[in-house]
Each structure stands twice: as structure tokens, then as C-alpha cells.
């Protein structure tokens, strides 16, 4: 199964700049080191946004978890990177109750 409405998925700029590519974030800095080594940068955050959205549309959902607040979707597969290494990552998306559009929660290497 593919991520529902993946073509309309939302990746907040703050999720990328202040978390996934922030070397000073207490939880994000390890992820940031990984993604930066693969050619992504906070100043070019739109490139990372596009890569994450492409990841969501190209790969299958490996798990979906129903919660009181909505559904969490796990997507695993290779990520196209500027460096060309295309590592395997897991991205986590959430669709709130009453909504259709998935929003990125996090992404990290596998």
C-alpha cells in the first residue's frame, strides 16, 4: 500500500531546518549529521523537502498504526540524495482524524 494522498504530503520547513538538519537540536543532531553527509543543507531545505516527498510517493507503507488522533504511516526505502548514495531511510507520516493530507513527523536512517 502506498501512503494515502502522498502527492499532497506536507513537510514543514521548521521540521527540516530546526530538526532534521539542525546540528544543535538535542534529538535531531544525529539525523542532521547523516543527512548533511549525504549532501542536504538547511539553506537548501527545499531540495530535502522534495526528496522526502518523493520518498513517500515511491515506496510502500511498511506499517500503519491507528491512534486516537489519527493514523501514523511508516515508509521505508532509498532516499535520492545530492551525493548520489541513496541510503535507505524510514520516514514517518501522520494523518489526523478528519484530515486526508499526510504530514511528516520524522525521518531517519535504517
N, C-alpha and C. Protein backbone atom coordinates (compact mmCIF):
# COMPACT_ATOMS: atom_id res chain seq x y z
N UNK A 1 0.84 -1.17 0.00
CA UNK A 1 0.00 0.00 0.00
C UNK A 1 0.88 1.24 0.00
N UNK A 2 0.47 2.22 -0.78
CA UNK A 2 1.18 3.50 -0.82
C UNK A 2 0.59 4.44 0.23
N UNK A 3 1.37 5.45 0.61
CA UNK A 3 0.90 6.47 1.54
C UNK A 3 -0.29 7.19 0.92
N UNK A 4 -1.44 7.20 1.60
CA UNK A 4 -2.61 7.87 1.03
C UNK A 4 -2.33 9.37 0.80
N UNK A 5 -2.71 9.85 -0.35
CA UNK A 5 -2.56 11.26 -0.72
C UNK A 5 -1.11 11.75 -0.62
N UNK A 6 -0.18 10.86 -0.92
CA UNK A 6 1.25 11.20 -0.84
C UNK A 6 1.60 12.36 -1.76
N UNK A 7 0.86 12.49 -2.86
CA UNK A 7 1.12 13.58 -3.80
C UNK A 7 0.82 14.95 -3.19
N UNK A 8 0.12 14.97 -2.06
CA UNK A 8 -0.21 16.23 -1.38
C UNK A 8 0.44 16.32 0.00
N UNK A 9 1.38 15.45 0.27
CA UNK A 9 2.04 15.40 1.58
C UNK A 9 2.69 16.74 1.92
N UNK A 10 2.71 17.03 3.23
CA UNK A 10 3.25 18.29 3.73
C UNK A 10 4.51 18.01 4.55
N UNK A 11 5.56 18.78 4.24
CA UNK A 11 6.78 18.73 5.02
C UNK A 11 7.05 20.17 5.46
N UNK A 12 6.87 20.44 6.74
CA UNK A 12 7.06 21.79 7.25
C UNK A 12 8.52 22.20 7.19
N UNK A 13 8.76 23.44 6.78
CA UNK A 13 10.12 23.98 6.73
C UNK A 13 10.79 23.84 8.09
N UNK A 14 10.07 24.14 9.16
CA UNK A 14 10.65 24.06 10.50
C UNK A 14 11.06 22.63 10.86
N UNK A 15 10.35 21.65 10.36
CA UNK A 15 10.69 20.24 10.62
C UNK A 15 12.06 19.92 10.02
N UNK A 16 12.35 20.52 8.88
CA UNK A 16 13.63 20.28 8.22
C UNK A 16 14.73 21.14 8.83
N UNK A 17 14.51 22.45 8.84
CA UNK A 17 15.56 23.39 9.25
C UNK A 17 15.86 23.31 10.75
N UNK A 18 14.82 23.22 11.57
CA UNK A 18 15.01 23.27 13.02
C UNK A 18 15.16 21.90 13.67
N UNK A 19 14.99 20.83 12.90
CA UNK A 19 15.05 19.49 13.48
C UNK A 19 15.94 18.55 12.66
N UNK A 20 15.49 18.15 11.47
CA UNK A 20 16.22 17.14 10.71
C UNK A 20 17.59 17.59 10.20
N UNK A 21 17.78 18.89 10.01
CA UNK A 21 19.09 19.38 9.55
C UNK A 21 19.73 20.32 10.57
N UNK A 22 19.32 20.22 11.83
CA UNK A 22 19.87 21.08 12.88
C UNK A 22 20.90 20.31 13.70
N UNK A 23 22.13 20.74 13.61
CA UNK A 23 23.20 20.09 14.38
C UNK A 23 23.15 20.44 15.86
N UNK A 24 22.28 21.40 16.23
CA UNK A 24 22.17 21.78 17.64
C UNK A 24 20.92 21.21 18.32
N UNK A 25 20.04 20.58 17.54
CA UNK A 25 18.83 20.00 18.13
C UNK A 25 19.21 18.76 18.95
N UNK A 26 18.71 18.64 20.20
CA UNK A 26 19.11 17.51 21.03
C UNK A 26 18.78 16.14 20.45
N UNK A 27 17.68 16.01 19.72
CA UNK A 27 17.31 14.72 19.13
C UNK A 27 17.62 14.66 17.63
N UNK A 28 17.61 15.80 16.99
CA UNK A 28 17.80 15.84 15.54
C UNK A 28 19.24 15.86 15.08
N UNK A 29 20.17 16.20 15.97
CA UNK A 29 21.56 16.40 15.51
C UNK A 29 22.20 15.16 14.90
N UNK A 30 21.88 13.98 15.40
CA UNK A 30 22.44 12.75 14.81
C UNK A 30 21.87 12.55 13.41
N UNK A 31 20.57 12.79 13.26
CA UNK A 31 19.94 12.69 11.95
C UNK A 31 20.53 13.74 11.02
N UNK A 32 20.73 14.96 11.56
CA UNK A 32 21.27 16.05 10.75
C UNK A 32 22.64 15.69 10.20
N UNK A 33 23.49 15.12 11.04
CA UNK A 33 24.81 14.71 10.57
C UNK A 33 24.72 13.74 9.41
N UNK A 34 23.81 12.79 9.52
CA UNK A 34 23.61 11.80 8.46
C UNK A 34 23.15 12.47 7.17
N UNK A 35 22.08 13.28 7.25
CA UNK A 35 21.54 13.91 6.04
C UNK A 35 22.49 14.93 5.43
N UNK A 36 23.22 15.65 6.27
CA UNK A 36 24.21 16.62 5.76
C UNK A 36 25.33 15.89 5.03
N UNK A 37 25.79 14.77 5.59
CA UNK A 37 26.84 13.98 4.92
C UNK A 37 26.39 13.51 3.54
N UNK A 38 25.09 13.40 3.33
CA UNK A 38 24.57 12.96 2.05
C UNK A 38 24.19 14.12 1.13
N UNK A 39 24.62 15.33 1.51
CA UNK A 39 24.51 16.47 0.60
C UNK A 39 23.37 17.43 0.83
N UNK A 40 22.55 17.22 1.86
CA UNK A 40 21.47 18.15 2.14
C UNK A 40 21.96 19.27 3.05
N UNK A 41 21.31 20.44 2.98
CA UNK A 41 21.69 21.57 3.83
C UNK A 41 20.45 22.36 4.22
N UNK A 42 20.55 23.04 5.36
CA UNK A 42 19.42 23.87 5.82
C UNK A 42 19.13 24.99 4.84
N UNK A 43 20.16 25.56 4.24
CA UNK A 43 19.94 26.65 3.29
C UNK A 43 19.25 26.16 2.02
N UNK A 44 19.43 24.89 1.69
CA UNK A 44 18.77 24.29 0.53
C UNK A 44 17.66 23.35 0.96
N UNK A 45 16.91 23.74 1.99
CA UNK A 45 15.91 22.86 2.60
C UNK A 45 14.85 22.37 1.61
N UNK A 46 14.55 23.17 0.58
CA UNK A 46 13.53 22.76 -0.40
C UNK A 46 13.95 21.48 -1.12
N UNK A 47 15.24 21.30 -1.35
CA UNK A 47 15.74 20.09 -2.01
C UNK A 47 15.45 18.87 -1.12
N UNK A 48 15.65 19.02 0.18
CA UNK A 48 15.37 17.93 1.11
C UNK A 48 13.87 17.68 1.20
N UNK A 49 13.09 18.74 1.19
CA UNK A 49 11.63 18.61 1.18
C UNK A 49 11.18 17.77 -0.02
N UNK A 50 11.69 18.10 -1.18
CA UNK A 50 11.34 17.37 -2.40
C UNK A 50 11.74 15.90 -2.32
N UNK A 51 12.93 15.65 -1.79
CA UNK A 51 13.41 14.27 -1.67
C UNK A 51 12.53 13.45 -0.72
N UNK A 52 12.10 14.06 0.37
CA UNK A 52 11.24 13.36 1.33
C UNK A 52 9.86 13.09 0.73
N UNK A 53 9.33 14.04 0.00
CA UNK A 53 8.04 13.83 -0.66
C UNK A 53 8.15 12.73 -1.72
N UNK A 54 9.22 12.73 -2.47
CA UNK A 54 9.45 11.69 -3.48
C UNK A 54 9.56 10.32 -2.80
N UNK A 55 10.27 10.27 -1.69
CA UNK A 55 10.40 9.04 -0.92
C UNK A 55 9.02 8.51 -0.55
N UNK A 56 8.13 9.40 -0.12
CA UNK A 56 6.78 8.99 0.30
C UNK A 56 5.94 8.47 -0.86
N UNK A 57 6.17 8.99 -2.06
CA UNK A 57 5.37 8.55 -3.21
C UNK A 57 5.94 7.29 -3.87
N UNK A 58 7.24 7.08 -3.76
CA UNK A 58 7.89 5.97 -4.45
C UNK A 58 7.86 4.64 -3.70
N UNK A 59 7.74 4.69 -2.38
CA UNK A 59 7.88 3.47 -1.58
C UNK A 59 6.57 3.10 -0.89
N UNK A 60 6.51 1.84 -0.51
CA UNK A 60 5.33 1.31 0.14
C UNK A 60 5.31 1.64 1.63
N UNK A 61 4.11 1.72 2.18
CA UNK A 61 3.93 1.83 3.62
C UNK A 61 4.26 0.45 4.20
N UNK A 62 5.16 0.41 5.18
CA UNK A 62 5.53 -0.86 5.80
C UNK A 62 4.69 -1.15 7.04
N UNK A 63 4.10 -0.10 7.60
CA UNK A 63 3.26 -0.27 8.78
C UNK A 63 2.35 0.94 8.92
N UNK A 64 1.13 0.70 9.36
CA UNK A 64 0.22 1.81 9.70
C UNK A 64 -0.33 1.53 11.09
N UNK A 65 -0.41 2.58 11.89
CA UNK A 65 -0.82 2.45 13.28
C UNK A 65 -1.96 3.42 13.55
N UNK A 66 -3.11 2.89 13.88
CA UNK A 66 -4.28 3.71 14.21
C UNK A 66 -4.14 4.21 15.65
N UNK A 67 -4.31 5.52 15.85
CA UNK A 67 -4.29 6.09 17.19
C UNK A 67 -5.59 6.87 17.41
N UNK A 68 -5.77 7.36 18.58
CA UNK A 68 -6.94 8.18 18.89
C UNK A 68 -6.96 9.45 18.04
N UNK A 69 -5.78 9.94 17.68
CA UNK A 69 -5.65 11.21 16.98
C UNK A 69 -5.55 11.09 15.46
N UNK A 70 -5.38 9.87 14.96
CA UNK A 70 -5.26 9.66 13.52
C UNK A 70 -4.46 8.41 13.22
N UNK A 71 -3.85 8.39 12.03
CA UNK A 71 -3.09 7.21 11.60
C UNK A 71 -1.64 7.61 11.31
N UNK A 72 -0.73 6.82 11.89
CA UNK A 72 0.71 7.00 11.64
C UNK A 72 1.11 5.99 10.58
N UNK A 73 1.84 6.46 9.58
CA UNK A 73 2.31 5.60 8.50
C UNK A 73 3.83 5.58 8.47
N UNK A 74 4.39 4.40 8.34
CA UNK A 74 5.84 4.21 8.23
C UNK A 74 6.15 3.84 6.78
N UNK A 75 7.09 4.57 6.19
CA UNK A 75 7.51 4.32 4.81
C UNK A 75 9.02 4.07 4.82
N UNK A 76 9.46 2.99 4.20
CA UNK A 76 10.89 2.67 4.15
C UNK A 76 11.34 2.47 2.72
N UNK A 77 12.55 2.93 2.45
CA UNK A 77 13.13 2.77 1.12
C UNK A 77 14.29 3.71 0.92
N UNK A 78 14.85 3.69 -0.27
CA UNK A 78 16.01 4.54 -0.56
C UNK A 78 15.57 5.99 -0.74
N UNK A 79 16.45 6.89 -0.34
CA UNK A 79 16.23 8.33 -0.47
C UNK A 79 17.20 8.86 -1.50
N UNK A 80 16.69 9.52 -2.52
CA UNK A 80 17.57 10.12 -3.53
C UNK A 80 18.24 11.34 -2.91
N UNK A 81 19.57 11.31 -2.89
CA UNK A 81 20.33 12.38 -2.24
C UNK A 81 21.21 13.11 -3.25
N UNK A 82 21.59 14.36 -2.92
CA UNK A 82 22.51 15.09 -3.80
C UNK A 82 23.84 14.38 -3.98
N UNK A 83 24.27 13.65 -2.94
CA UNK A 83 25.53 12.93 -3.01
C UNK A 83 25.47 11.66 -3.83
N UNK A 84 24.24 11.21 -4.16
CA UNK A 84 24.07 10.05 -5.01
C UNK A 84 24.17 8.70 -4.32
N UNK A 85 24.36 8.68 -2.99
CA UNK A 85 24.49 7.40 -2.29
C UNK A 85 23.15 6.69 -2.13
N UNK A 86 22.06 7.44 -2.06
CA UNK A 86 20.71 6.90 -1.95
C UNK A 86 20.55 5.88 -0.82
N UNK A 87 20.80 6.32 0.44
CA UNK A 87 20.69 5.42 1.58
C UNK A 87 19.24 5.05 1.86
N UNK A 88 19.06 3.96 2.59
CA UNK A 88 17.72 3.54 3.00
C UNK A 88 17.34 4.28 4.27
N UNK A 89 16.16 4.87 4.24
CA UNK A 89 15.66 5.59 5.41
C UNK A 89 14.24 5.14 5.75
N UNK A 90 13.81 5.54 6.91
CA UNK A 90 12.41 5.38 7.32
C UNK A 90 11.85 6.79 7.48
N UNK A 91 10.71 7.05 6.86
CA UNK A 91 10.01 8.31 7.10
C UNK A 91 8.69 7.98 7.78
N UNK A 92 8.29 8.84 8.69
CA UNK A 92 7.07 8.65 9.46
C UNK A 92 6.13 9.81 9.14
N UNK A 93 4.92 9.45 8.78
CA UNK A 93 3.90 10.43 8.38
C UNK A 93 2.67 10.26 9.26
N UNK A 94 1.91 11.34 9.43
CA UNK A 94 0.72 11.27 10.26
C UNK A 94 -0.44 11.96 9.56
N UNK A 95 -1.59 11.31 9.59
CA UNK A 95 -2.82 11.90 9.06
C UNK A 95 -3.79 12.01 10.23
N UNK A 96 -4.13 13.24 10.58
CA UNK A 96 -5.03 13.48 11.71
C UNK A 96 -6.46 13.05 11.39
N UNK A 97 -7.18 12.70 12.44
CA UNK A 97 -8.59 12.34 12.30
C UNK A 97 -9.32 13.48 11.59
N UNK A 98 -10.12 13.13 10.59
CA UNK A 98 -10.88 14.13 9.85
C UNK A 98 -10.10 14.81 8.74
N UNK A 99 -8.83 14.46 8.58
CA UNK A 99 -7.98 15.05 7.54
C UNK A 99 -7.60 13.97 6.53
N UNK A 100 -7.04 14.38 5.40
CA UNK A 100 -6.55 13.44 4.39
C UNK A 100 -5.07 13.59 4.10
N UNK A 101 -4.52 14.75 4.39
CA UNK A 101 -3.16 15.08 3.98
C UNK A 101 -2.13 14.58 5.00
N UNK A 102 -1.18 13.75 4.57
CA UNK A 102 -0.14 13.29 5.48
C UNK A 102 0.88 14.40 5.75
N UNK A 103 1.32 14.45 7.00
CA UNK A 103 2.36 15.41 7.40
C UNK A 103 3.56 14.63 7.93
N UNK A 104 4.75 15.10 7.56
CA UNK A 104 5.95 14.42 8.01
C UNK A 104 6.13 14.60 9.52
N UNK A 105 6.42 13.49 10.19
CA UNK A 105 6.73 13.52 11.61
C UNK A 105 8.24 13.49 11.80
N UNK A 106 8.90 12.54 11.14
CA UNK A 106 10.35 12.42 11.25
C UNK A 106 10.88 11.55 10.11
N UNK A 107 12.18 11.52 10.00
CA UNK A 107 12.87 10.63 9.05
C UNK A 107 14.23 10.30 9.66
N UNK A 108 14.68 9.08 9.42
CA UNK A 108 15.99 8.70 9.96
C UNK A 108 16.54 7.49 9.18
N UNK A 109 17.86 7.32 9.26
CA UNK A 109 18.48 6.22 8.51
C UNK A 109 18.14 4.87 9.11
N UNK A 110 18.11 3.85 8.25
CA UNK A 110 17.94 2.47 8.71
C UNK A 110 19.27 1.75 8.63
